[in-house]
Amino acid sequence: MTAPRDLRLRLPRDVRLQPSREFATTRAVGRRLVRGCLIANWRLLPEGSRTQLGVITSRRVGGAVVRNRARRLLREAFRLTQHSLTQPAVIVLVARPSIAGRSFAEVQRDYLGALRNAGLLGARS
């Protein structure tokens, strides 16, 4: 049995934030919160819009392998909780150098804590 279409835990391409101006706008006008191994930037969207995610990893995080792993961990944390968000938003996650070597559980804990502090997380998570 498959999950209802809107509750599938997929991360389609249209959810990923692409143009660099969208990253810049969210970082400039949106709200910001630092939590553990990540920095969360977000701006709310009108009801009915689709939540989008952008992930930034600079070279300060580490080599290519470490940066790619950090991006995968942050996208996975978002993917698992995307349907629990209280309202649509553009979220830009910036990996901090401390993310290197962390487990998924530690990254997810920081991510969930940031969303709770931001008031973006619903009761189901």
C-alpha atoms as a PDB file:
ATOM      1  CA  MET A   1       0.000   0.000   0.000  1.00  0.00           C
ATOM      2  CA  THR A   2       1.389   3.418  -0.916  1.00  0.00           C
ATOM      3  CA  ALA A   3       1.096   6.578   1.133  1.00  0.00           C
ATOM      4  CA  PRO A   4      -1.251   9.331  -0.064  1.00  0.00           C
ATOM      5  CA  ARG A   5       0.383  11.463  -2.729  1.00  0.00           C
ATOM      6  CA  ASP A   6       0.838  14.514  -0.504  1.00  0.00           C
ATOM      7  CA  LEU A   7       2.378  12.512   2.359  1.00  0.00           C
ATOM      8  CA  ARG A   8       5.068  10.667   0.439  1.00  0.00           C
ATOM      9  CA  LEU A   9       8.508  11.266   1.832  1.00  0.00           C
ATOM     10  CA  ARG A  10      10.134  12.223  -1.443  1.00  0.00           C
ATOM     11  CA  LEU A  11      12.313  15.205  -2.226  1.00  0.00           C
ATOM     12  CA  PRO A  12      11.454  16.170  -5.803  1.00  0.00           C
ATOM     13  CA  ARG A  13      13.628  18.586  -7.734  1.00  0.00           C
ATOM     14  CA  ASP A  14      11.069  21.409  -7.618  1.00  0.00           C
ATOM     15  CA  VAL A  15      11.427  21.498  -3.816  1.00  0.00           C
ATOM     16  CA  ARG A  16      15.118  22.294  -4.135  1.00  0.00           C
ATOM     17  CA  LEU A  17      15.964  25.977  -4.264  1.00  0.00           C
ATOM     18  CA  GLN A  18      17.913  26.720  -7.442  1.00  0.00           C
ATOM     19  CA  PRO A  19      18.556  30.335  -8.450  1.00  0.00           C
ATOM     20  CA  SER A  20      21.248  32.002  -6.362  1.00  0.00           C
ATOM     21  CA  ARG A  21      19.064  35.102  -6.032  1.00  0.00           C
ATOM     22  CA  GLU A  22      16.555  33.006  -4.053  1.00  0.00           C
ATOM     23  CA  PHE A  23      19.322  32.029  -1.626  1.00  0.00           C
ATOM     24  CA  ALA A  24      20.427  35.662  -1.345  1.00  0.00           C
ATOM     25  CA  THR A  25      16.872  36.949  -0.842  1.00  0.00           C
ATOM     26  CA  THR A  26      16.143  34.420   1.879  1.00  0.00           C
ATOM     27  CA  ARG A  27      19.395  35.164   3.671  1.00  0.00           C
ATOM     28  CA  ALA A  28      18.884  38.943   3.372  1.00  0.00           C
ATOM     29  CA  VAL A  29      15.177  39.341   4.199  1.00  0.00           C
ATOM     30  CA  GLY A  30      14.406  36.131   6.045  1.00  0.00           C
ATOM     31  CA  ARG A  31      14.876  35.201   9.663  1.00  0.00           C
ATOM     32  CA  ARG A  32      18.035  33.470  10.942  1.00  0.00           C
ATOM     33  CA  LEU A  33      18.770  31.008  13.709  1.00  0.00           C
ATOM     34  CA  VAL A  34      22.021  29.287  14.684  1.00  0.00           C
ATOM     35  CA  ARG A  35      21.701  25.831  16.187  1.00  0.00           C
ATOM     36  CA  GLY A  36      24.605  23.413  16.694  1.00  0.00           C
ATOM     37  CA  CYS A  37      26.075  22.366  13.366  1.00  0.00           C
ATOM     38  CA  LEU A  38      23.820  24.481  11.147  1.00  0.00           C
ATOM     39  CA  ILE A  39      22.444  27.934  10.485  1.00  0.00           C
ATOM     40  CA  ALA A  40      18.795  28.050   9.428  1.00  0.00           C
ATOM     41  CA  ASN A  41      17.527  30.952   7.327  1.00  0.00           C
ATOM     42  CA  TRP A  42      13.859  31.054   6.379  1.00  0.00           C
ATOM     43  CA  ARG A  43      11.122  33.247   5.025  1.00  0.00           C
ATOM     44  CA  LEU A  44       7.460  32.359   5.084  1.00  0.00           C
ATOM     45  CA  LEU A  45       5.459  31.880   1.901  1.00  0.00           C
ATOM     46  CA  PRO A  46       1.754  32.433   1.279  1.00  0.00           C
ATOM     47  CA  GLU A  47      -0.600  29.570   2.099  1.00  0.00           C
ATOM     48  CA  GLY A  48      -0.839  27.079  -0.756  1.00  0.00           C
ATOM     49  CA  SER A  49       2.775  27.549  -1.848  1.00  0.00           C
ATOM     50  CA  ARG A  50       5.263  24.713  -1.779  1.00  0.00           C
ATOM     51  CA  THR A  51       8.088  24.655   0.761  1.00  0.00           C
ATOM     52  CA  GLN A  52      11.537  24.857  -0.791  1.00  0.00           C
ATOM     53  CA  LEU A  53      14.920  23.917   0.600  1.00  0.00           C
ATOM     54  CA  GLY A  54      18.397  25.178  -0.189  1.00  0.00           C
ATOM     55  CA  VAL A  55      21.615  23.856   1.341  1.00  0.00           C
ATOM     56  CA  ILE A  56      24.926  25.716   1.465  1.00  0.00           C
ATOM     57  CA  THR A  57      28.236  24.083   2.350  1.00  0.00           C
ATOM     58  CA  SER A  58      31.386  26.138   2.069  1.00  0.00           C
ATOM     59  CA  ARG A  59      34.925  24.842   1.766  1.00  0.00           C
ATOM     60  CA  ARG A  60      35.439  25.614   5.452  1.00  0.00           C
ATOM     61  CA  VAL A  61      33.307  22.534   6.194  1.00  0.00           C
ATOM     62  CA  GLY A  62      35.901  20.248   4.605  1.00  0.00           C
ATOM     63  CA  GLY A  63      36.786  18.513   1.371  1.00  0.00           C
ATOM     64  CA  ALA A  64      34.307  17.507  -1.310  1.00  0.00           C
ATOM     65  CA  VAL A  65      33.414  14.211   0.381  1.00  0.00           C
ATOM     66  CA  VAL A  66      32.664  15.919   3.696  1.00  0.00           C
ATOM     67  CA  ARG A  67      30.641  18.705   2.018  1.00  0.00           C
ATOM     68  CA  ASN A  68      28.573  16.213   0.010  1.00  0.00           C
ATOM     69  CA  ARG A  69      27.845  14.171   3.129  1.00  0.00           C
ATOM     70  CA  ALA A  70      26.778  17.330   4.978  1.00  0.00           C
ATOM     71  CA  ARG A  71      24.381  18.225   2.135  1.00  0.00           C
ATOM     72  CA  ARG A  72      22.926  14.704   2.128  1.00  0.00           C
ATOM     73  CA  LEU A  73      22.390  14.754   5.901  1.00  0.00           C
ATOM     74  CA  LEU A  74      20.658  18.145   5.840  1.00  0.00           C
ATOM     75  CA  ARG A  75      18.430  17.211   2.885  1.00  0.00           C
ATOM     76  CA  GLU A  76      17.483  13.936   4.590  1.00  0.00           C
ATOM     77  CA  ALA A  77      16.550  15.731   7.826  1.00  0.00           C
ATOM     78  CA  PHE A  78      14.296  18.042   5.783  1.00  0.00           C
ATOM     79  CA  ARG A  79      12.834  15.191   3.732  1.00  0.00           C
ATOM     80  CA  LEU A  80      11.666  13.300   6.811  1.00  0.00           C
ATOM     81  CA  THR A  81       9.919  16.319   8.355  1.00  0.00           C
ATOM     82  CA  GLN A  82       8.707  18.262   5.318  1.00  0.00           C
ATOM     83  CA  HIS A  83       5.045  17.365   5.925  1.00  0.00           C
ATOM     84  CA  SER A  84       5.184  18.482   9.559  1.00  0.00           C
ATOM     85  CA  LEU A  85       5.900  22.125   8.791  1.00  0.00           C
ATOM     86  CA  THR A  86       3.188  24.481  10.023  1.00  0.00           C
ATOM     87  CA  GLN A  87       3.233  26.634   6.896  1.00  0.00           C
ATOM     88  CA  PRO A  88       5.110  26.892   3.603  1.00  0.00           C
ATOM     89  CA  ALA A  89       8.532  28.515   3.716  1.00  0.00           C
ATOM     90  CA  VAL A  90      11.777  28.893   1.839  1.00  0.00           C
ATOM     91  CA  ILE A  91      14.450  27.339   4.058  1.00  0.00           C
ATOM     92  CA  VAL A  92      18.169  27.794   3.494  1.00  0.00           C
ATOM     93  CA  LEU A  93      20.407  25.621   5.668  1.00  0.00           C
ATOM     94  CA  VAL A  94      24.067  26.541   5.999  1.00  0.00           C
ATOM     95  CA  ALA A  95      26.353  23.778   7.255  1.00  0.00           C
ATOM     96  CA  ARG A  96      28.870  24.866   9.869  1.00  0.00           C
ATOM     97  CA  PRO A  97      32.335  23.254  10.095  1.00  0.00           C
ATOM     98  CA  SER A  98      31.204  21.328  13.204  1.00  0.00           C
ATOM     99  CA  ILE A  99      28.941  19.149  11.014  1.00  0.00           C
ATOM    100  CA  ALA A 100      31.981  17.130   9.882  1.00  0.00           C
ATOM    101  CA  GLY A 101      31.982  13.759  11.585  1.00  0.00           C
ATOM    102  CA  ARG A 102      28.516  14.101  13.118  1.00  0.00           C
ATOM    103  CA  SER A 103      26.002  11.313  12.890  1.00  0.00           C
ATOM    104  CA  PHE A 104      22.627  11.720  11.227  1.00  0.00           C
ATOM    105  CA  ALA A 105      20.905  11.647  14.634  1.00  0.00           C
ATOM    106  CA  GLU A 106      22.985  14.601  15.837  1.00  0.00           C
ATOM    107  CA  VAL A 107      22.341  16.613  12.666  1.00  0.00           C
ATOM    108  CA  GLN A 108      18.633  15.816  12.803  1.00  0.00           C
ATOM    109  CA  ARG A 109      18.475  16.888  16.461  1.00  0.00           C
ATOM    110  CA  ASP A 110      19.999  20.275  15.593  1.00  0.00           C
ATOM    111  CA  TYR A 111      17.687  20.657  12.582  1.00  0.00           C
ATOM    112  CA  LEU A 112      14.544  19.824  14.566  1.00  0.00           C
ATOM    113  CA  GLY A 113      15.616  22.128  17.387  1.00  0.00           C
ATOM    114  CA  ALA A 114      16.107  24.996  14.935  1.00  0.00           C
ATOM    115  CA  LEU A 115      12.670  24.440  13.379  1.00  0.00           C
ATOM    116  CA  ARG A 116      11.004  24.266  16.795  1.00  0.00           C
ATOM    117  CA  ASN A 117      12.671  27.502  17.900  1.00  0.00           C
ATOM    118  CA  ALA A 118      11.579  29.117  14.635  1.00  0.00           C
ATOM    119  CA  GLY A 119       7.980  27.996  15.164  1.00  0.00           C
ATOM    120  CA  LEU A 120       7.930  26.117  11.856  1.00  0.00           C
ATOM    121  CA  LEU A 121       7.452  22.616  13.182  1.00  0.00           C
ATOM    122  CA  GLY A 122       4.024  21.123  13.810  1.00  0.00           C
ATOM    123  CA  ALA A 123       2.968  18.698  16.498  1.00  0.00           C
ATOM    124  CA  ARG A 124       3.492  15.511  14.446  1.00  0.00           C
ATOM    125  CA  SER A 125       7.272  15.449  14.712  1.00  0.00           C
END
